[in-house]
């Protein structure tokens, strides 16, 4: 079976997360997108400490789709430098992993 990955993306608003998530699922770039509210992000941007509330998106997909997914997120995202980080899924329920592969297939 093809390698499954989880991609993390942060967004500033729920509506933006919904827009990106719906696009990814409808375009079969993602099988599932979770939106987790209440994420506190601390980082330096333009020389200043930022302290923002964000929403974390957890996106399940196939590794072979990452570059297309990344490009689509960058196209839809409002941040100048959006966080787009992929992690390998090293174990999981075989039936769930098969479902992810099927939902992101041709």
PDB file of N, CA and C in Angstrom:
ATOM      1  N   UNK A   1       0.849  -1.187   0.000  1.00  0.00           N
ATOM      2  CA  UNK A   1       0.000   0.000   0.000  1.00  0.00           C
ATOM      3  C   UNK A   1       0.889   1.244   0.000  1.00  0.00           C
ATOM      4  N   UNK A   2       0.424   2.259  -0.676  1.00  0.00           N
ATOM      5  CA  UNK A   2       1.173   3.516  -0.741  1.00  0.00           C
ATOM      6  C   UNK A   2       1.261   4.174   0.626  1.00  0.00           C
ATOM      7  N   UNK A   3       2.363   4.913   0.851  1.00  0.00           N
ATOM      8  CA  UNK A   3       2.565   5.574   2.134  1.00  0.00           C
ATOM      9  C   UNK A   3       1.521   6.664   2.358  1.00  0.00           C
ATOM     10  N   UNK A   4       0.964   6.647   3.564  1.00  0.00           N
ATOM     11  CA  UNK A   4      -0.007   7.655   3.984  1.00  0.00           C
ATOM     12  C   UNK A   4       0.730   8.666   4.864  1.00  0.00           C
ATOM     13  N   UNK A   5       0.395   9.933   4.696  1.00  0.00           N
ATOM     14  CA  UNK A   5       0.994  10.992   5.502  1.00  0.00           C
ATOM     15  C   UNK A   5      -0.107  11.833   6.149  1.00  0.00           C
ATOM     16  N   UNK A   6       0.279  12.569   7.191  1.00  0.00           N
ATOM     17  CA  UNK A   6      -0.600  13.564   7.788  1.00  0.00           C
ATOM     18  C   UNK A   6       0.081  14.915   7.604  1.00  0.00           C
ATOM     19  N   UNK A   7      -0.649  15.860   7.053  1.00  0.00           N
ATOM     20  CA  UNK A   7      -0.129  17.192   6.795  1.00  0.00           C
ATOM     21  C   UNK A   7      -0.763  18.152   7.789  1.00  0.00           C
ATOM     22  N   UNK A   8       0.071  18.963   8.427  1.00  0.00           N
ATOM     23  CA  UNK A   8      -0.412  19.972   9.362  1.00  0.00           C
ATOM     24  C   UNK A   8      -0.330  21.348   8.707  1.00  0.00           C
ATOM     25  N   UNK A   9      -1.428  22.079   8.807  1.00  0.00           N
ATOM     26  CA  UNK A   9      -1.517  23.439   8.271  1.00  0.00           C
ATOM     27  C   UNK A   9      -2.238  24.276   9.321  1.00  0.00           C
ATOM     28  N   UNK A  10      -1.748  25.471   9.608  1.00  0.00           N
ATOM     29  CA  UNK A  10      -2.479  26.369  10.492  1.00  0.00           C
ATOM     30  C   UNK A  10      -3.126  27.475   9.667  1.00  0.00           C
ATOM     31  N   UNK A  11      -4.311  27.886  10.117  1.00  0.00           N
ATOM     32  CA  UNK A  11      -5.047  28.981   9.480  1.00  0.00           C
ATOM     33  C   UNK A  11      -5.540  29.929  10.563  1.00  0.00           C
ATOM     34  N   UNK A  12      -5.854  31.141  10.158  1.00  0.00           N
ATOM     35  CA  UNK A  12      -6.283  32.154  11.111  1.00  0.00           C
ATOM     36  C   UNK A  12      -7.762  32.138  11.444  1.00  0.00           C
ATOM     37  N   UNK A  13      -8.581  31.555  10.550  1.00  0.00           N
ATOM     38  CA  UNK A  13     -10.028  31.555  10.783  1.00  0.00           C
ATOM     39  C   UNK A  13     -10.634  30.205  10.414  1.00  0.00           C
ATOM     40  N   UNK A  14     -11.749  29.887  11.052  1.00  0.00           N
ATOM     41  CA  UNK A  14     -12.450  28.650  10.732  1.00  0.00           C
ATOM     42  C   UNK A  14     -12.934  28.655   9.287  1.00  0.00           C
ATOM     43  N   UNK A  15     -13.406  29.801   8.813  1.00  0.00           N
ATOM     44  CA  UNK A  15     -13.909  29.857   7.439  1.00  0.00           C
ATOM     45  C   UNK A  15     -12.800  29.549   6.438  1.00  0.00           C
ATOM     46  N   UNK A  16     -11.583  30.014   6.702  1.00  0.00           N
ATOM     47  CA  UNK A  16     -10.488  29.691   5.796  1.00  0.00           C
ATOM     48  C   UNK A  16     -10.150  28.203   5.859  1.00  0.00           C
ATOM     49  N   UNK A  17     -10.161  27.635   7.048  1.00  0.00           N
ATOM     50  CA  UNK A  17      -9.921  26.204   7.188  1.00  0.00           C
ATOM     51  C   UNK A  17     -10.965  25.385   6.457  1.00  0.00           C
ATOM     52  N   UNK A  18     -12.224  25.800   6.554  1.00  0.00           N
ATOM     53  CA  UNK A  18     -13.302  25.100   5.846  1.00  0.00           C
ATOM     54  C   UNK A  18     -13.133  25.212   4.336  1.00  0.00           C
ATOM     55  N   UNK A  19     -12.775  26.381   3.860  1.00  0.00           N
ATOM     56  CA  UNK A  19     -12.586  26.568   2.417  1.00  0.00           C
ATOM     57  C   UNK A  19     -11.461  25.676   1.898  1.00  0.00           C
ATOM     58  N   UNK A  20     -10.330  25.704   2.585  1.00  0.00           N
ATOM     59  CA  UNK A  20      -9.190  24.888   2.157  1.00  0.00           C
ATOM     60  C   UNK A  20      -9.529  23.407   2.284  1.00  0.00           C
ATOM     61  N   UNK A  21     -10.085  23.021   3.419  1.00  0.00           N
ATOM     62  CA  UNK A  21     -10.417  21.619   3.650  1.00  0.00           C
ATOM     63  C   UNK A  21     -11.405  21.073   2.637  1.00  0.00           C
ATOM     64  N   UNK A  22     -12.451  21.810   2.373  1.00  0.00           N
ATOM     65  CA  UNK A  22     -13.446  21.352   1.389  1.00  0.00           C
ATOM     66  C   UNK A  22     -12.819  21.190   0.006  1.00  0.00           C
ATOM     67  N   UNK A  23     -11.998  22.146  -0.377  1.00  0.00           N
ATOM     68  CA  UNK A  23     -11.337  22.061  -1.686  1.00  0.00           C
ATOM     69  C   UNK A  23     -10.460  20.819  -1.776  1.00  0.00           C
ATOM     70  N   UNK A  24      -9.672  20.561  -0.736  1.00  0.00           N
ATOM     71  CA  UNK A  24      -8.767  19.411  -0.762  1.00  0.00           C
ATOM     72  C   UNK A  24      -9.526  18.090  -0.852  1.00  0.00           C
ATOM     73  N   UNK A  25     -10.612  17.977  -0.093  1.00  0.00           N
ATOM     74  CA  UNK A  25     -11.399  16.733  -0.111  1.00  0.00           C
ATOM     75  C   UNK A  25     -12.138  16.583  -1.438  1.00  0.00           C
ATOM     76  N   UNK A  26     -12.768  17.653  -1.909  1.00  0.00           N
ATOM     77  CA  UNK A  26     -13.501  17.575  -3.180  1.00  0.00           C
ATOM     78  C   UNK A  26     -12.586  17.269  -4.352  1.00  0.00           C
ATOM     79  N   UNK A  27     -11.349  17.747  -4.295  1.00  0.00           N
ATOM     80  CA  UNK A  27     -10.388  17.519  -5.375  1.00  0.00           C
ATOM     81  C   UNK A  27      -9.609  16.217  -5.194  1.00  0.00           C
ATOM     82  N   UNK A  28      -9.986  15.431  -4.173  1.00  0.00           N
ATOM     83  CA  UNK A  28      -9.353  14.140  -3.858  1.00  0.00           C
ATOM     84  C   UNK A  28      -7.865  14.263  -3.554  1.00  0.00           C
ATOM     85  N   UNK A  29      -7.473  15.424  -3.051  1.00  0.00           N
ATOM     86  CA  UNK A  29      -6.104  15.608  -2.568  1.00  0.00           C
ATOM     87  C   UNK A  29      -5.986  15.192  -1.108  1.00  0.00           C
ATOM     88  N   UNK A  30      -7.115  15.065  -0.426  1.00  0.00           N
ATOM     89  CA  UNK A  30      -7.162  14.637   0.972  1.00  0.00           C
ATOM     90  C   UNK A  30      -8.375  13.743   1.173  1.00  0.00           C
ATOM     91  N   UNK A  31      -8.214  12.752   2.050  1.00  0.00           N
ATOM     92  CA  UNK A  31      -9.344  11.893   2.395  1.00  0.00           C
ATOM     93  C   UNK A  31     -10.164  12.513   3.515  1.00  0.00           C
ATOM     94  N   UNK A  32      -9.480  13.183   4.429  1.00  0.00           N
ATOM     95  CA  UNK A  32     -10.138  13.732   5.613  1.00  0.00           C
ATOM     96  C   UNK A  32      -9.342  14.937   6.099  1.00  0.00           C
ATOM     97  N   UNK A  33     -10.060  15.955   6.574  1.00  0.00           N
ATOM     98  CA  UNK A  33      -9.417  17.132   7.152  1.00  0.00           C
ATOM     99  C   UNK A  33     -10.106  17.416   8.483  1.00  0.00           C
ATOM    100  N   UNK A  34      -9.326  17.469   9.559  1.00  0.00           N
ATOM    101  CA  UNK A  34      -9.844  17.851  10.871  1.00  0.00           C
ATOM    102  C   UNK A  34      -9.439  19.290  11.144  1.00  0.00           C
ATOM    103  N   UNK A  35     -10.360  20.068  11.717  1.00  0.00           N
ATOM    104  CA  UNK A  35     -10.063  21.441  12.138  1.00  0.00           C
ATOM    105  C   UNK A  35     -10.080  21.469  13.661  1.00  0.00           C
ATOM    106  N   UNK A  36      -8.966  21.827  14.263  1.00  0.00           N
ATOM    107  CA  UNK A  36      -8.837  21.859  15.714  1.00  0.00           C
ATOM    108  C   UNK A  36      -8.702  23.309  16.149  1.00  0.00           C
ATOM    109  N   UNK A  37      -9.740  23.803  16.831  1.00  0.00           N
ATOM    110  CA  UNK A  37      -9.748  25.195  17.295  1.00  0.00           C
ATOM    111  C   UNK A  37      -8.934  25.348  18.575  1.00  0.00           C
ATOM    112  N   UNK A  38      -8.595  26.588  18.881  1.00  0.00           N
ATOM    113  CA  UNK A  38      -7.968  26.909  20.153  1.00  0.00           C
ATOM    114  C   UNK A  38      -6.474  26.681  20.210  1.00  0.00           C
ATOM    115  N   UNK A  39      -5.803  26.669  19.060  1.00  0.00           N
ATOM    116  CA  UNK A  39      -4.352  26.494  19.031  1.00  0.00           C
ATOM    117  C   UNK A  39      -3.706  27.857  19.265  1.00  0.00           C
ATOM    118  N   UNK A  40      -2.789  27.909  20.195  1.00  0.00           N
ATOM    119  CA  UNK A  40      -2.050  29.141  20.488  1.00  0.00           C
ATOM    120  C   UNK A  40      -0.697  29.036  19.809  1.00  0.00           C
ATOM    121  N   UNK A  41      -0.380  29.961  18.938  1.00  0.00           N
ATOM    122  CA  UNK A  41       0.885  29.938  18.201  1.00  0.00           C
ATOM    123  C   UNK A  41       1.750  31.126  18.600  1.00  0.00           C
ATOM    124  N   UNK A  42       2.989  30.837  18.964  1.00  0.00           N
ATOM    125  CA  UNK A  42       3.979  31.855  19.320  1.00  0.00           C
ATOM    126  C   UNK A  42       5.125  31.736  18.328  1.00  0.00           C
ATOM    127  N   UNK A  43       5.471  32.848  17.682  1.00  0.00           N
ATOM    128  CA  UNK A  43       6.523  32.818  16.667  1.00  0.00           C
ATOM    129  C   UNK A  43       6.998  34.238  16.392  1.00  0.00           C
ATOM    130  N   UNK A  44       8.161  34.336  15.781  1.00  0.00           N
ATOM    131  CA  UNK A  44       8.695  35.640  15.374  1.00  0.00           C
ATOM    132  C   UNK A  44       8.311  35.872  13.921  1.00  0.00           C
ATOM    133  N   UNK A  45       7.707  37.027  13.654  1.00  0.00           N
ATOM    134  CA  UNK A  45       7.370  37.407  12.284  1.00  0.00           C
ATOM    135  C   UNK A  45       7.702  38.874  12.106  1.00  0.00           C
ATOM    136  N   UNK A  46       8.474  39.171  11.075  1.00  0.00           N
ATOM    137  CA  UNK A  46       8.903  40.541  10.780  1.00  0.00           C
ATOM    138  C   UNK A  46       9.534  41.205  12.001  1.00  0.00           C
ATOM    139  N   UNK A  47      10.365  40.419  12.724  1.00  0.00           N
ATOM    140  CA  UNK A  47      11.118  40.948  13.852  1.00  0.00           C
ATOM    141  C   UNK A  47      10.347  41.100  15.151  1.00  0.00           C
ATOM    142  N   UNK A  48       9.085  40.693  15.176  1.00  0.00           N
ATOM    143  CA  UNK A  48       8.272  40.846  16.391  1.00  0.00           C
ATOM    144  C   UNK A  48       7.721  39.502  16.841  1.00  0.00           C
ATOM    145  N   UNK A  49       7.576  39.359  18.160  1.00  0.00           N
ATOM    146  CA  UNK A  49       6.956  38.162  18.708  1.00  0.00           C
ATOM    147  C   UNK A  49       5.457  38.211  18.439  1.00  0.00           C
ATOM    148  N   UNK A  50       4.952  37.198  17.782  1.00  0.00           N
ATOM    149  CA  UNK A  50       3.517  37.091  17.529  1.00  0.00           C
ATOM    150  C   UNK A  50       2.929  36.066  18.484  1.00  0.00           C
ATOM    151  N   UNK A  51       1.714  36.338  18.925  1.00  0.00           N
ATOM    152  CA  UNK A  51       0.994  35.492  19.882  1.00  0.00           C
ATOM    153  C   UNK A  51      -0.434  35.407  19.359  1.00  0.00           C
ATOM    154  N   UNK A  52      -0.708  34.380  18.549  1.00  0.00           N
ATOM    155  CA  UNK A  52      -1.986  34.319  17.831  1.00  0.00           C
ATOM    156  C   UNK A  52      -2.791  33.073  18.155  1.00  0.00           C
ATOM    157  N   UNK A  53      -4.102  33.219  18.072  1.00  0.00           N
ATOM    158  CA  UNK A  53      -5.010  32.072  18.095  1.00  0.00           C
ATOM    159  C   UNK A  53      -5.134  31.585  16.660  1.00  0.00           C
ATOM    160  N   UNK A  54      -4.959  30.293  16.460  1.00  0.00           N
ATOM    161  CA  UNK A  54      -5.083  29.737  15.123  1.00  0.00           C
ATOM    162  C   UNK A  54      -5.897  28.453  15.184  1.00  0.00           C
ATOM    163  N   UNK A  55      -6.164  27.921  14.035  1.00  0.00           N
ATOM    164  CA  UNK A  55      -6.840  26.633  13.891  1.00  0.00           C
ATOM    165  C   UNK A  55      -5.861  25.708  13.198  1.00  0.00           C
ATOM    166  N   UNK A  56      -5.686  24.515  13.765  1.00  0.00           N
ATOM    167  CA  UNK A  56      -4.792  23.529  13.194  1.00  0.00           C
ATOM    168  C   UNK A  56      -5.592  22.576  12.313  1.00  0.00           C
ATOM    169  N   UNK A  57      -5.142  22.414  11.087  1.00  0.00           N
ATOM    170  CA  UNK A  57      -5.746  21.462  10.172  1.00  0.00           C
ATOM    171  C   UNK A  57      -4.885  20.204  10.149  1.00  0.00           C
ATOM    172  N   UNK A  58      -5.508  19.052  10.336  1.00  0.00           N
ATOM    173  CA  UNK A  58      -4.834  17.765  10.188  1.00  0.00           C
ATOM    174  C   UNK A  58      -5.404  17.122   8.938  1.00  0.00           C
ATOM    175  N   UNK A  59      -4.550  16.915   7.954  1.00  0.00           N
ATOM    176  CA  UNK A  59      -4.968  16.483   6.621  1.00  0.00           C
ATOM    177  C   UNK A  59      -4.360  15.109   6.344  1.00  0.00           C
ATOM    178  N   UNK A  60      -5.212  14.122   6.050  1.00  0.00           N
ATOM    179  CA  UNK A  60      -4.725  12.782   5.745  1.00  0.00           C
ATOM    180  C   UNK A  60      -4.758  12.556   4.238  1.00  0.00           C
ATOM    181  N   UNK A  61      -3.612  12.080   3.700  1.00  0.00           N
ATOM    182  CA  UNK A  61      -3.487  11.907   2.263  1.00  0.00           C
ATOM    183  C   UNK A  61      -2.395  10.895   1.939  1.00  0.00           C
ATOM    184  N   UNK A  62      -2.172  10.675   0.658  1.00  0.00           N
ATOM    185  CA  UNK A  62      -1.079   9.826   0.187  1.00  0.00           C
ATOM    186  C   UNK A  62       0.165  10.690  -0.038  1.00  0.00           C
ATOM    187  N   UNK A  63       1.324  10.117   0.245  1.00  0.00           N
ATOM    188  CA  UNK A  63       2.574  10.876   0.089  1.00  0.00           C
ATOM    189  C   UNK A  63       2.753  11.375  -1.343  1.00  0.00           C
ATOM    190  N   UNK A  64       2.345  10.589  -2.318  1.00  0.00           N
ATOM    191  CA  UNK A  64       2.533  10.977  -3.719  1.00  0.00           C
ATOM    192  C   UNK A  64       1.738  12.228  -4.094  1.00  0.00           C
ATOM    193  N   UNK A  65       0.764  12.610  -3.275  1.00  0.00           N
ATOM    194  CA  UNK A  65      -0.050  13.795  -3.551  1.00  0.00           C
ATOM    195  C   UNK A  65       0.459  15.050  -2.846  1.00  0.00           C
ATOM    196  N   UNK A  66       1.528  14.904  -2.041  1.00  0.00           N
ATOM    197  CA  UNK A  66       1.945  16.040  -1.220  1.00  0.00           C
ATOM    198  C   UNK A  66       2.226  17.299  -2.023  1.00  0.00           C
ATOM    199  N   UNK A  67       2.987  17.219  -3.092  1.00  0.00           N
ATOM    200  CA  UNK A  67       3.346  18.449  -3.813  1.00  0.00           C
ATOM    201  C   UNK A  67       2.108  19.136  -4.389  1.00  0.00           C
ATOM    202  N   UNK A  68       1.165  18.374  -4.895  1.00  0.00           N
ATOM    203  CA  UNK A  68      -0.078  18.983  -5.407  1.00  0.00           C
ATOM    204  C   UNK A  68      -0.894  19.591  -4.269  1.00  0.00           C
ATOM    205  N   UNK A  69      -0.966  18.889  -3.131  1.00  0.00           N
ATOM    206  CA  UNK A  69      -1.692  19.404  -1.970  1.00  0.00           C
ATOM    207  C   UNK A  69      -1.037  20.687  -1.479  1.00  0.00           C
ATOM    208  N   UNK A  70       0.298  20.676  -1.351  1.00  0.00           N
ATOM    209  CA  UNK A  70       1.032  21.868  -0.894  1.00  0.00           C
ATOM    210  C   UNK A  70       0.756  23.057  -1.815  1.00  0.00           C
ATOM    211  N   UNK A  71       0.835  22.827  -3.124  1.00  0.00           N
ATOM    212  CA  UNK A  71       0.592  23.917  -4.075  1.00  0.00           C
ATOM    213  C   UNK A  71      -0.823  24.456  -3.943  1.00  0.00           C
ATOM    214  N   UNK A  72      -1.792  23.568  -3.737  1.00  0.00           N
ATOM    215  CA  UNK A  72      -3.196  24.005  -3.617  1.00  0.00           C
ATOM    216  C   UNK A  72      -3.404  24.798  -2.329  1.00  0.00           C
ATOM    217  N   UNK A  73      -2.809  24.341  -1.230  1.00  0.00           N
ATOM    218  CA  UNK A  73      -2.923  25.084   0.038  1.00  0.00           C
ATOM    219  C   UNK A  73      -2.306  26.468  -0.126  1.00  0.00           C
ATOM    220  N   UNK A  74      -1.126  26.541  -0.727  1.00  0.00           N
ATOM    221  CA  UNK A  74      -0.481  27.843  -0.933  1.00  0.00           C
ATOM    222  C   UNK A  74      -1.341  28.763  -1.803  1.00  0.00           C
ATOM    223  N   UNK A  75      -2.017  28.198  -2.762  1.00  0.00           N
ATOM    224  CA  UNK A  75      -2.892  28.968  -3.649  1.00  0.00           C
ATOM    225  C   UNK A  75      -4.093  29.552  -2.887  1.00  0.00           C
ATOM    226  N   UNK A  76      -4.646  28.779  -1.956  1.00  0.00           N
ATOM    227  CA  UNK A  76      -5.863  29.186  -1.243  1.00  0.00           C
ATOM    228  C   UNK A  76      -5.590  29.942   0.055  1.00  0.00           C
ATOM    229  N   UNK A  77      -4.415  29.786   0.631  1.00  0.00           N
ATOM    230  CA  UNK A  77      -4.099  30.326   1.958  1.00  0.00           C
ATOM    231  C   UNK A  77      -3.860  31.828   1.889  1.00  0.00           C
ATOM    232  N   UNK A  78      -4.199  32.517   2.966  1.00  0.00           N
ATOM    233  CA  UNK A  78      -3.995  33.972   3.008  1.00  0.00           C
ATOM    234  C   UNK A  78      -2.641  34.361   3.616  1.00  0.00           C
ATOM    235  N   UNK A  79      -1.972  33.444   4.298  1.00  0.00           N
ATOM    236  CA  UNK A  79      -0.673  33.761   4.895  1.00  0.00           C
ATOM    237  C   UNK A  79       0.387  33.873   3.812  1.00  0.00           C
ATOM    238  N   UNK A  80       1.336  34.766   4.033  1.00  0.00           N
ATOM    239  CA  UNK A  80       2.462  34.911   3.117  1.00  0.00           C
ATOM    240  C   UNK A  80       3.342  33.653   3.123  1.00  0.00           C
ATOM    241  N   UNK A  81       3.515  33.080   4.330  1.00  0.00           N
ATOM    242  CA  UNK A  81       4.313  31.859   4.483  1.00  0.00           C
ATOM    243  C   UNK A  81       3.498  30.869   5.330  1.00  0.00           C
ATOM    244  N   UNK A  82       2.598  30.124   4.706  1.00  0.00           N
ATOM    245  CA  UNK A  82       1.783  29.191   5.490  1.00  0.00           C
ATOM    246  C   UNK A  82       2.595  27.997   5.990  1.00  0.00           C
ATOM    247  N   UNK A  83       2.229  27.528   7.167  1.00  0.00           N
ATOM    248  CA  UNK A  83       2.817  26.302   7.700  1.00  0.00           C
ATOM    249  C   UNK A  83       2.208  25.121   6.949  1.00  0.00           C
ATOM    250  N   UNK A  84       3.046  24.337   6.307  1.00  0.00           N
ATOM    251  CA  UNK A  84       2.608  23.121   5.621  1.00  0.00           C
ATOM    252  C   UNK A  84       3.674  22.073   5.915  1.00  0.00           C
ATOM    253  N   UNK A  85       3.385  21.170   6.855  1.00  0.00           N
ATOM    254  CA  UNK A  85       4.360  20.189   7.316  1.00  0.00           C
ATOM    255  C   UNK A  85       3.758  18.801   7.190  1.00  0.00           C
ATOM    256  N   UNK A  86       4.482  17.897   6.559  1.00  0.00           N
ATOM    257  CA  UNK A  86       4.004  16.523   6.397  1.00  0.00           C
ATOM    258  C   UNK A  86       4.760  15.586   7.331  1.00  0.00           C
ATOM    259  N   UNK A  87       4.014  14.677   7.947  1.00  0.00           N
ATOM    260  CA  UNK A  87       4.582  13.657   8.826  1.00  0.00           C
ATOM    261  C   UNK A  87       4.164  12.284   8.314  1.00  0.00           C
ATOM    262  N   UNK A  88       5.065  11.305   8.383  1.00  0.00           N
ATOM    263  CA  UNK A  88       4.678   9.966   7.955  1.00  0.00           C
ATOM    264  C   UNK A  88       3.736   9.330   8.974  1.00  0.00           C
ATOM    265  N   UNK A  89       2.810   8.541   8.490  1.00  0.00           N
ATOM    266  CA  UNK A  89       1.974   7.724   9.357  1.00  0.00           C
ATOM    267  C   UNK A  89       2.665   6.365   9.390  1.00  0.00           C
ATOM    268  N   UNK A  90       3.261   6.028  10.526  1.00  0.00           N
ATOM    269  CA  UNK A  90       4.065   4.809  10.584  1.00  0.00           C
ATOM    270  C   UNK A  90       3.234   3.578  10.940  1.00  0.00           C
ATOM    271  N   UNK A  91       2.099   3.760  11.542  1.00  0.00           N
ATOM    272  CA  UNK A  91       1.186   2.668  11.877  1.00  0.00           C
ATOM    273  C   UNK A  91      -0.232   3.212  11.837  1.00  0.00           C
ATOM    274  N   UNK A  92      -1.189   2.315  11.676  1.00  0.00           N
ATOM    275  CA  UNK A  92      -2.583   2.721  11.700  1.00  0.00           C
ATOM    276  C   UNK A  92      -3.486   1.539  11.430  1.00  0.00           C
ATOM    277  N   UNK A  93      -4.745   1.752  11.624  1.00  0.00           N
ATOM    278  CA  UNK A  93      -5.735   0.724  11.325  1.00  0.00           C
ATOM    279  C   UNK A  93      -5.669   0.424   9.831  1.00  0.00           C
ATOM    280  N   UNK A  94      -5.435  -0.825   9.441  1.00  0.00           N
ATOM    281  CA  UNK A  94      -5.351  -1.139   8.016  1.00  0.00           C
ATOM    282  C   UNK A  94      -6.584  -0.695   7.227  1.00  0.00           C
ATOM    283  N   UNK A  95      -7.759  -0.837   7.816  1.00  0.00           N
ATOM    284  CA  UNK A  95      -8.971  -0.439   7.087  1.00  0.00           C
ATOM    285  C   UNK A  95      -9.034   1.077   6.899  1.00  0.00           C
ATOM    286  N   UNK A  96      -8.574   1.843   7.894  1.00  0.00           N
ATOM    287  CA  UNK A  96      -8.569   3.298   7.753  1.00  0.00           C
ATOM    288  C   UNK A  96      -7.544   3.733   6.711  1.00  0.00           C
ATOM    289  N   UNK A  97      -6.363   3.143   6.755  1.00  0.00           N
ATOM    290  CA  UNK A  97      -5.325   3.504   5.793  1.00  0.00           C
ATOM    291  C   UNK A  97      -5.749   3.157   4.367  1.00  0.00           C
ATOM    292  N   UNK A  98      -6.430   2.023   4.194  1.00  0.00           N
ATOM    293  CA  UNK A  98      -6.972   1.662   2.861  1.00  0.00           C
ATOM    294  C   UNK A  98      -7.994   2.696   2.424  1.00  0.00           C
ATOM    295  N   UNK A  99      -8.846   3.130   3.360  1.00  0.00           N
ATOM    296  CA  UNK A  99      -9.881   4.129   3.039  1.00  0.00           C
ATOM    297  C   UNK A  99      -9.221   5.437   2.595  1.00  0.00           C
ATOM    298  N   UNK A 100      -8.170   5.885   3.293  1.00  0.00           N
ATOM    299  CA  UNK A 100      -7.465   7.108   2.895  1.00  0.00           C
ATOM    300  C   UNK A 100      -6.951   6.957   1.462  1.00  0.00           C
ATOM    301  N   UNK A 101      -6.327   5.830   1.171  1.00  0.00           N
ATOM    302  CA  UNK A 101      -5.808   5.595  -0.167  1.00  0.00           C
ATOM    303  C   UNK A 101      -6.933   5.597  -1.213  1.00  0.00           C
ATOM    304  N   UNK A 102      -8.057   4.972  -0.889  1.00  0.00           N
ATOM    305  CA  UNK A 102      -9.186   4.929  -1.825  1.00  0.00           C
ATOM    306  C   UNK A 102      -9.789   6.315  -2.066  1.00  0.00           C
ATOM    307  N   UNK A 103      -9.918   7.111  -1.025  1.00  0.00           N
ATOM    308  CA  UNK A 103     -10.551   8.432  -1.143  1.00  0.00           C
ATOM    309  C   UNK A 103      -9.683   9.432  -1.878  1.00  0.00           C
ATOM    310  N   UNK A 104      -8.388   9.146  -1.969  1.00  0.00           N
ATOM    311  CA  UNK A 104      -7.474  10.049  -2.668  1.00  0.00           C
ATOM    312  C   UNK A 104      -7.008   9.463  -3.982  1.00  0.00           C
ATOM    313  N   UNK A 105      -7.675   8.407  -4.406  1.00  0.00           N
ATOM    314  CA  UNK A 105      -7.308   7.758  -5.661  1.00  0.00           C
ATOM    315  C   UNK A 105      -7.941   8.420  -6.862  1.00  0.00           C
ATOM    316  N   UNK A 106      -7.603   7.907  -8.036  1.00  0.00           N
ATOM    317  CA  UNK A 106      -8.133   8.489  -9.287  1.00  0.00           C
ATOM    318  C   UNK A 106      -9.641   8.358  -9.402  1.00  0.00           C
TER     319      UNK A 106
END
